[in-house]
């Protein structure tokens, strides 16, 4: 399978390219970038393009990985599907549920896969977490914190015209976490509280959310561009709990640790390093080979629906919180 990357972003350079190099089914990697020059070399090197349309026409790729500012996703996802290619797109795949529905409909028409790259759930610890909840559940509470310091003003996440803002950037983490912990069922009863606004650009800088998971558990989450770095998940069941640090962004060489408590006895569980991007890309290429597109379409639509529900809750409970 031949991979074309549209947008030579930092995450592509640091995580996607090394991960794709590990995936057996990916034989060749081509790059298209308008803002950066051709690298001296890269794994499984294919072609380099300085124009996205030319890349889609000339790369002979089977799969496109799209890593562009959020506001450009819909245009280039549709363009890639129109050339008969499967598509993976950085989160958020689309800006709204309606956009997501159009993309999935277009993918279904041409029998292609479109997937959102929320890769954290592909770490083996989530399989272990499901087993833990099955043994020590039911799940009663889940709490998430994902907070980063303010970004440089030039970062696209600070600019509404590029699809910036915390809800679009971190909303996929909230939605995917609720879906995974809820056993694949949609969350409900969502309420939300807005954070601040960027002092120069006005984009939303944070949000908190409270929801009922699909399996009945309660979920709370704080997501922000406004504070000291935090990145953790706490899951509480009837007779046990697990606290995970760096849950959303584990480096490929990082040994994850759980702080586990069972019937008031604490211990630490470790996991061997796992490259979540490589595991995600391997799963995607396997699904393409087997024609299993719908599981990715369902997840993309479910998470977009959840993110829109958070946006609606923010707008209704915080009248000043409108997307700008």
Protein backbone atom coordinates (compact mmCIF):
# COMPACT_ATOMS: atom_id res chain seq x y z
CA UNK A 1 0.00 0.00 0.00
CA UNK A 2 1.30 3.45 -0.93
CA UNK A 3 0.84 6.34 1.51
CA UNK A 4 0.66 10.03 0.60
CA UNK A 5 1.01 12.61 3.36
CA UNK A 6 -0.64 15.98 2.66
CA UNK A 7 0.93 18.52 5.00
CA UNK A 8 4.41 18.00 6.43
CA UNK A 9 3.46 19.10 9.95
CA UNK A 10 5.36 18.69 13.20
CA UNK A 11 3.21 15.70 14.22
CA UNK A 12 3.86 14.10 10.83
CA UNK A 13 7.61 14.52 11.18
CA UNK A 14 7.76 13.40 14.82
CA UNK A 15 5.18 10.61 14.95
CA UNK A 16 3.39 9.74 11.68
CA UNK A 17 6.43 9.17 9.46
CA UNK A 18 8.33 6.98 11.95
CA UNK A 19 5.13 5.06 12.64
CA UNK A 20 4.32 4.52 8.97
CA UNK A 21 7.86 3.20 8.47
CA UNK A 22 7.05 0.41 10.95
CA UNK A 23 3.82 -0.69 9.29
CA UNK A 24 4.41 -3.72 7.08
CA UNK A 25 1.54 -3.00 4.72
CA UNK A 26 2.85 0.50 3.89
CA UNK A 27 5.42 0.06 1.15
CA UNK A 28 6.01 3.65 0.05
CA UNK A 29 5.60 7.11 1.60
CA UNK A 30 5.19 10.25 -0.51
CA UNK A 31 4.96 13.78 0.90
CA UNK A 32 3.18 16.93 -0.26
CA UNK A 33 4.05 20.22 1.45
CA UNK A 34 3.48 23.82 0.44
CA UNK A 35 5.34 25.35 3.39
CA UNK A 36 8.43 23.18 3.84
CA UNK A 37 11.15 22.09 1.40
CA UNK A 38 11.78 18.52 0.38
CA UNK A 39 13.54 16.61 3.17
CA UNK A 40 16.95 15.14 2.46
CA UNK A 41 15.45 11.69 2.83
CA UNK A 42 12.81 9.70 4.68
CA UNK A 43 11.82 6.06 5.29
CA UNK A 44 10.25 4.18 2.38
CA UNK A 45 10.85 7.29 0.29
CA UNK A 46 8.49 7.98 -2.55
CA UNK A 47 7.75 11.26 -4.33
CA UNK A 48 7.73 14.84 -3.06
CA UNK A 49 5.20 17.43 -4.22
CA UNK A 50 4.83 21.14 -3.48
CA UNK A 51 1.19 21.15 -4.60
CA UNK A 52 -1.64 19.12 -3.06
CA UNK A 53 -3.72 18.71 -6.22
CA UNK A 54 -0.68 17.56 -8.16
CA UNK A 55 0.10 15.10 -5.37
CA UNK A 56 -3.38 13.58 -5.45
CA UNK A 57 -3.17 13.19 -9.22
CA UNK A 58 0.43 12.07 -9.50
CA UNK A 59 1.37 10.01 -6.45
CA UNK A 60 -0.45 6.77 -7.35
CA UNK A 61 -1.18 6.45 -3.63
CA UNK A 62 -3.80 4.22 -2.04
CA UNK A 63 -4.09 6.05 1.30
CA UNK A 64 -3.80 9.74 2.17
CA UNK A 65 -2.84 11.01 5.62
CA UNK A 66 -4.10 14.59 5.90
CA UNK A 67 -2.31 16.88 8.38
CA UNK A 68 -3.41 20.45 7.66
CA UNK A 69 -5.09 23.25 9.66
CA UNK A 70 -8.59 22.16 10.68
CA UNK A 71 -10.40 24.57 8.38
CA UNK A 72 -8.81 22.87 5.35
CA UNK A 73 -9.78 19.31 6.24
CA UNK A 74 -13.13 19.11 4.46
CA UNK A 75 -11.81 20.43 1.15
CA UNK A 76 -8.88 18.03 0.96
CA UNK A 77 -10.68 15.00 2.37
CA UNK A 78 -13.29 15.41 -0.36
CA UNK A 79 -10.58 15.93 -2.99
CA UNK A 80 -8.75 12.77 -1.89
CA UNK A 81 -11.94 10.70 -1.90
CA UNK A 82 -12.78 12.04 -5.35
CA UNK A 83 -9.52 10.57 -6.66
CA UNK A 84 -10.43 7.17 -5.19
CA UNK A 85 -8.10 7.21 -2.20
CA UNK A 86 -8.73 6.14 1.37
CA UNK A 87 -8.21 8.94 3.89
CA UNK A 88 -6.92 9.34 7.43
CA UNK A 89 -7.20 12.86 8.82
CA UNK A 90 -5.80 14.48 11.93
CA UNK A 91 -8.34 15.27 14.60
CA UNK A 92 -10.77 16.91 14.33
CA UNK A 93 -11.57 15.22 11.05
CA UNK A 94 -14.21 17.84 10.32
CA UNK A 95 -15.40 21.05 11.92
CA UNK A 96 -19.01 19.93 12.49
CA UNK A 97 -21.21 16.85 12.48
CA UNK A 98 -22.80 17.96 9.20
CA UNK A 99 -19.35 18.14 7.58
CA UNK A 100 -18.54 14.69 8.95
CA UNK A 101 -21.75 13.23 7.57
CA UNK A 102 -20.96 14.61 4.11
CA UNK A 103 -17.45 13.13 4.23
CA UNK A 104 -18.68 9.69 5.29
CA UNK A 105 -21.40 9.76 2.65
CA UNK A 106 -18.79 10.60 0.01
CA UNK A 107 -16.53 7.79 1.24
CA UNK A 108 -19.37 5.28 1.13
CA UNK A 109 -20.26 6.28 -2.43
CA UNK A 110 -16.79 5.35 -3.66
CA UNK A 111 -16.31 2.42 -1.24
CA UNK A 112 -13.43 4.08 0.57
CA UNK A 113 -12.49 4.50 4.22
CA UNK A 114 -12.26 7.85 6.00
CA UNK A 115 -10.92 7.77 9.55
CA UNK A 116 -10.09 10.29 12.27
CA UNK A 117 -6.64 9.87 13.80
CA UNK A 118 -7.56 9.79 17.49
CA UNK A 119 -4.84 7.27 18.12
CA UNK A 120 -4.52 7.20 21.92
CA UNK A 121 -7.15 4.47 22.24
CA UNK A 122 -4.93 2.06 20.28
CA UNK A 123 -2.54 1.67 23.22
CA UNK A 124 -2.76 -1.88 24.67
CA UNK A 125 -3.60 -0.41 28.06
CA UNK A 126 -7.15 0.25 26.88
CA UNK A 127 -7.73 -3.45 26.31
CA UNK A 128 -6.41 -4.04 29.84
CA UNK A 129 -8.61 -1.21 31.13
CA UNK A 130 -11.72 -2.82 29.62
CA UNK A 131 -10.80 -6.10 31.36
CA UNK A 132 -10.20 -4.25 34.64
CA UNK A 133 -13.61 -2.58 34.49
CA UNK A 134 -15.27 -5.90 33.63
CA UNK A 135 -13.72 -7.42 36.77
CA UNK A 136 -14.05 -4.49 39.15
CA UNK A 137 -16.97 -2.59 37.71
CA UNK A 138 -19.38 -1.47 36.75
CA UNK A 139 -17.70 1.83 35.96
CA UNK A 140 -19.12 4.53 38.19
CA UNK A 141 -16.88 7.56 37.54
CA UNK A 142 -14.34 8.65 34.97
CA UNK A 143 -12.42 11.92 35.14
CA UNK A 144 -10.05 13.44 32.60
CA UNK A 145 -7.72 16.43 32.63
CA UNK A 146 -5.92 17.54 29.49
CA UNK A 147 -4.43 21.00 29.95
CA UNK A 148 -1.55 22.66 28.14
CA UNK A 149 0.10 26.07 28.55
CA UNK A 150 -0.90 28.87 26.14
CA UNK A 151 0.37 28.30 22.60
CA UNK A 152 2.48 30.80 20.62
CA UNK A 153 0.30 33.36 18.85
CA UNK A 154 1.30 32.01 15.43
CA UNK A 155 -0.04 28.53 16.15
CA UNK A 156 -3.11 27.83 13.97
CA UNK A 157 -5.05 26.69 17.06
CA UNK A 158 -5.22 30.34 18.12
CA UNK A 159 -7.01 31.45 14.93
CA UNK A 160 -10.69 30.88 14.19
CA UNK A 161 -10.25 31.21 10.43
CA UNK A 162 -7.94 28.18 10.52
CA UNK A 163 -10.29 26.12 12.67
CA UNK A 164 -8.64 26.97 15.98
CA UNK A 165 -9.95 26.83 19.51
CA UNK A 166 -9.83 24.33 22.33
CA UNK A 167 -13.15 22.63 21.57
CA UNK A 168 -12.11 21.69 18.04
CA UNK A 169 -8.61 20.67 19.09
CA UNK A 170 -9.37 18.81 22.33
CA UNK A 171 -13.04 17.96 21.80
CA UNK A 172 -12.05 14.78 19.90
CA UNK A 173 -10.17 13.56 22.98
CA UNK A 174 -13.25 14.16 25.14
CA UNK A 175 -15.56 12.46 22.65
CA UNK A 176 -13.33 9.45 21.99
CA UNK A 177 -12.72 8.91 25.70
CA UNK A 178 -16.45 8.94 26.39
CA UNK A 179 -17.06 6.50 23.54
CA UNK A 180 -14.29 4.10 24.62
CA UNK A 181 -15.16 4.13 28.32
CA UNK A 182 -18.86 3.90 27.51
CA UNK A 183 -18.34 0.62 25.71
CA UNK A 184 -18.87 2.14 22.27
CA UNK A 185 -22.26 3.61 23.14
CA UNK A 186 -22.98 7.32 22.80
CA UNK A 187 -22.83 9.62 25.82
CA UNK A 188 -25.90 11.56 26.88
CA UNK A 189 -27.04 14.27 29.31
CA UNK A 190 -24.09 16.48 28.39
CA UNK A 191 -23.57 19.80 30.14
CA UNK A 192 -20.57 22.08 29.74
CA UNK A 193 -18.86 25.19 31.08
CA UNK A 194 -16.70 27.47 28.98
CA UNK A 195 -13.17 28.53 29.79
CA UNK A 196 -11.60 31.80 28.76
CA UNK A 197 -11.06 33.48 25.42
CA UNK A 198 -7.75 34.26 23.76
CA UNK A 199 -6.96 37.89 24.56
CA UNK A 200 -5.90 38.68 20.98
CA UNK A 201 -7.83 36.35 18.67
CA UNK A 202 -10.92 35.51 20.74
CA UNK A 203 -10.88 31.75 20.19
CA UNK A 204 -12.12 29.54 23.02
CA UNK A 205 -9.31 28.51 25.35
CA UNK A 206 -11.00 25.76 27.34
CA UNK A 207 -14.09 23.88 28.37
CA UNK A 208 -15.30 21.51 31.06
CA UNK A 209 -17.84 18.79 30.38
CA UNK A 210 -20.06 16.53 32.47
CA UNK A 211 -21.84 13.62 30.81
CA UNK A 212 -23.60 10.30 31.33
CA UNK A 213 -21.67 7.55 29.55
CA UNK A 214 -23.43 4.99 27.40
CA UNK A 215 -22.93 2.33 30.08
CA UNK A 216 -24.33 4.56 32.83
CA UNK A 217 -21.10 5.85 34.35
CA UNK A 218 -20.52 9.55 35.02
CA UNK A 219 -17.80 11.38 33.07
CA UNK A 220 -16.16 14.69 33.88
CA UNK A 221 -13.44 16.38 31.89
CA UNK A 222 -11.40 19.57 31.90
CA UNK A 223 -9.68 20.63 28.69
CA UNK A 224 -7.71 23.84 28.32
CA UNK A 225 -4.98 25.85 26.61
CA UNK A 226 -4.59 27.96 29.77
CA UNK A 227 -2.60 26.19 32.46
CA UNK A 228 0.20 23.98 33.72
CA UNK A 229 0.47 20.77 31.73
CA UNK A 230 -1.90 18.00 32.85
CA UNK A 231 -2.68 14.78 30.98
CA UNK A 232 -4.43 12.09 33.00
CA UNK A 233 -7.37 9.73 33.26
CA UNK A 234 -8.97 8.36 36.42
CA UNK A 235 -11.38 5.43 36.09
CA UNK A 236 -13.33 4.29 39.15
CA UNK A 237 -15.28 1.05 39.36
CA UNK A 238 -17.27 -0.57 42.15
CA UNK A 239 -14.23 -2.28 43.69
CA UNK A 240 -11.20 -0.74 41.97
CA UNK A 241 -9.71 2.32 40.31
CA UNK A 242 -6.94 3.17 37.85
CA UNK A 243 -5.06 6.46 37.44
CA UNK A 244 -3.12 6.90 34.18
CA UNK A 245 -0.70 9.76 33.42
CA UNK A 246 0.14 10.88 29.85
CA UNK A 247 -2.87 8.92 28.64
CA UNK A 248 -3.48 10.97 25.49
CA UNK A 249 0.07 11.47 24.18
CA UNK A 250 2.40 8.64 25.23
CA UNK A 251 5.71 8.76 23.33
CA UNK A 252 6.43 5.63 21.32
CA UNK A 253 9.26 4.67 23.71
CA UNK A 254 7.39 5.50 26.93
CA UNK A 255 6.60 2.81 29.51
CA UNK A 256 3.09 3.58 30.73
CA UNK A 257 2.22 3.11 34.38
CA UNK A 258 -1.08 2.62 36.13
CA UNK A 259 -1.58 3.53 39.74
CA UNK A 260 -4.12 0.88 40.56
CA UNK A 261 -6.22 0.49 43.69
CA UNK A 262 -8.30 -2.63 44.38
CA UNK A 263 -10.27 -2.86 47.61
CA UNK A 264 -8.04 -0.18 49.17
CA UNK A 265 -4.78 -1.88 48.21
CA UNK A 266 -2.48 0.13 45.94
CA UNK A 267 0.00 -1.12 43.36
CA UNK A 268 1.65 -0.07 40.09
CA UNK A 269 1.07 -1.78 36.75
CA UNK A 270 3.49 -1.14 33.88
CA UNK A 271 3.07 -1.59 30.13
CA UNK A 272 5.76 -2.08 27.55
CA UNK A 273 6.24 0.91 25.22
CA UNK A 274 3.75 0.98 22.34
CA UNK A 275 3.64 3.24 19.30
CA UNK A 276 -0.02 4.26 19.14
CA UNK A 277 0.38 5.85 15.71
CA UNK A 278 1.90 2.66 14.28
CA UNK A 279 -0.80 0.51 15.86
CA UNK A 280 -3.50 2.82 14.50
CA UNK A 281 -2.04 2.86 10.98
CA UNK A 282 -1.62 -0.92 11.02
CA UNK A 283 -5.27 -1.29 12.03
CA UNK A 284 -6.37 1.10 9.28
CA UNK A 285 -4.40 -0.68 6.56
CA UNK A 286 -5.76 -4.01 7.79
CA UNK A 287 -9.32 -2.65 7.68
CA UNK A 288 -8.76 -1.36 4.14
CA UNK A 289 -7.44 -4.75 3.09
CA UNK A 290 -10.48 -6.47 4.60
CA UNK A 291 -13.02 -3.91 3.41
CA UNK A 292 -14.05 -3.00 6.98
CA UNK A 293 -14.67 0.71 6.57
CA UNK A 294 -17.79 1.11 8.65
CA UNK A 295 -16.23 0.76 12.10
CA UNK A 296 -14.11 3.85 11.38
CA UNK A 297 -17.06 5.71 9.90
CA UNK A 298 -19.15 4.97 12.98
CA UNK A 299 -16.45 6.21 15.33
CA UNK A 300 -15.89 9.37 13.30
CA UNK A 301 -19.60 10.20 13.26
CA UNK A 302 -20.13 9.29 16.91
CA UNK A 303 -17.29 11.54 18.05
CA UNK A 304 -18.40 14.41 15.81
CA UNK A 305 -21.93 14.10 17.20
CA UNK A 306 -20.60 14.18 20.76
CA UNK A 307 -18.44 17.22 20.02
CA UNK A 308 -21.44 19.03 18.55
CA UNK A 309 -23.41 18.16 21.70
CA UNK A 310 -20.68 19.77 23.80
CA UNK A 311 -20.78 22.84 21.55
CA UNK A 312 -24.57 23.05 21.94
CA UNK A 313 -24.27 22.71 25.72
CA UNK A 314 -21.65 25.46 25.83
CA UNK A 315 -23.81 27.77 23.72
CA UNK A 316 -26.97 27.16 25.75
CA UNK A 317 -25.40 27.45 29.19
CA UNK A 318 -22.90 30.13 28.27
CA UNK A 319 -24.58 32.59 25.87
CA UNK A 320 -21.30 34.36 25.14
CA UNK A 321 -19.66 31.09 24.06
CA UNK A 322 -20.21 31.01 20.32
CA UNK A 323 -17.74 29.72 17.76
CA UNK A 324 -15.91 32.62 16.19
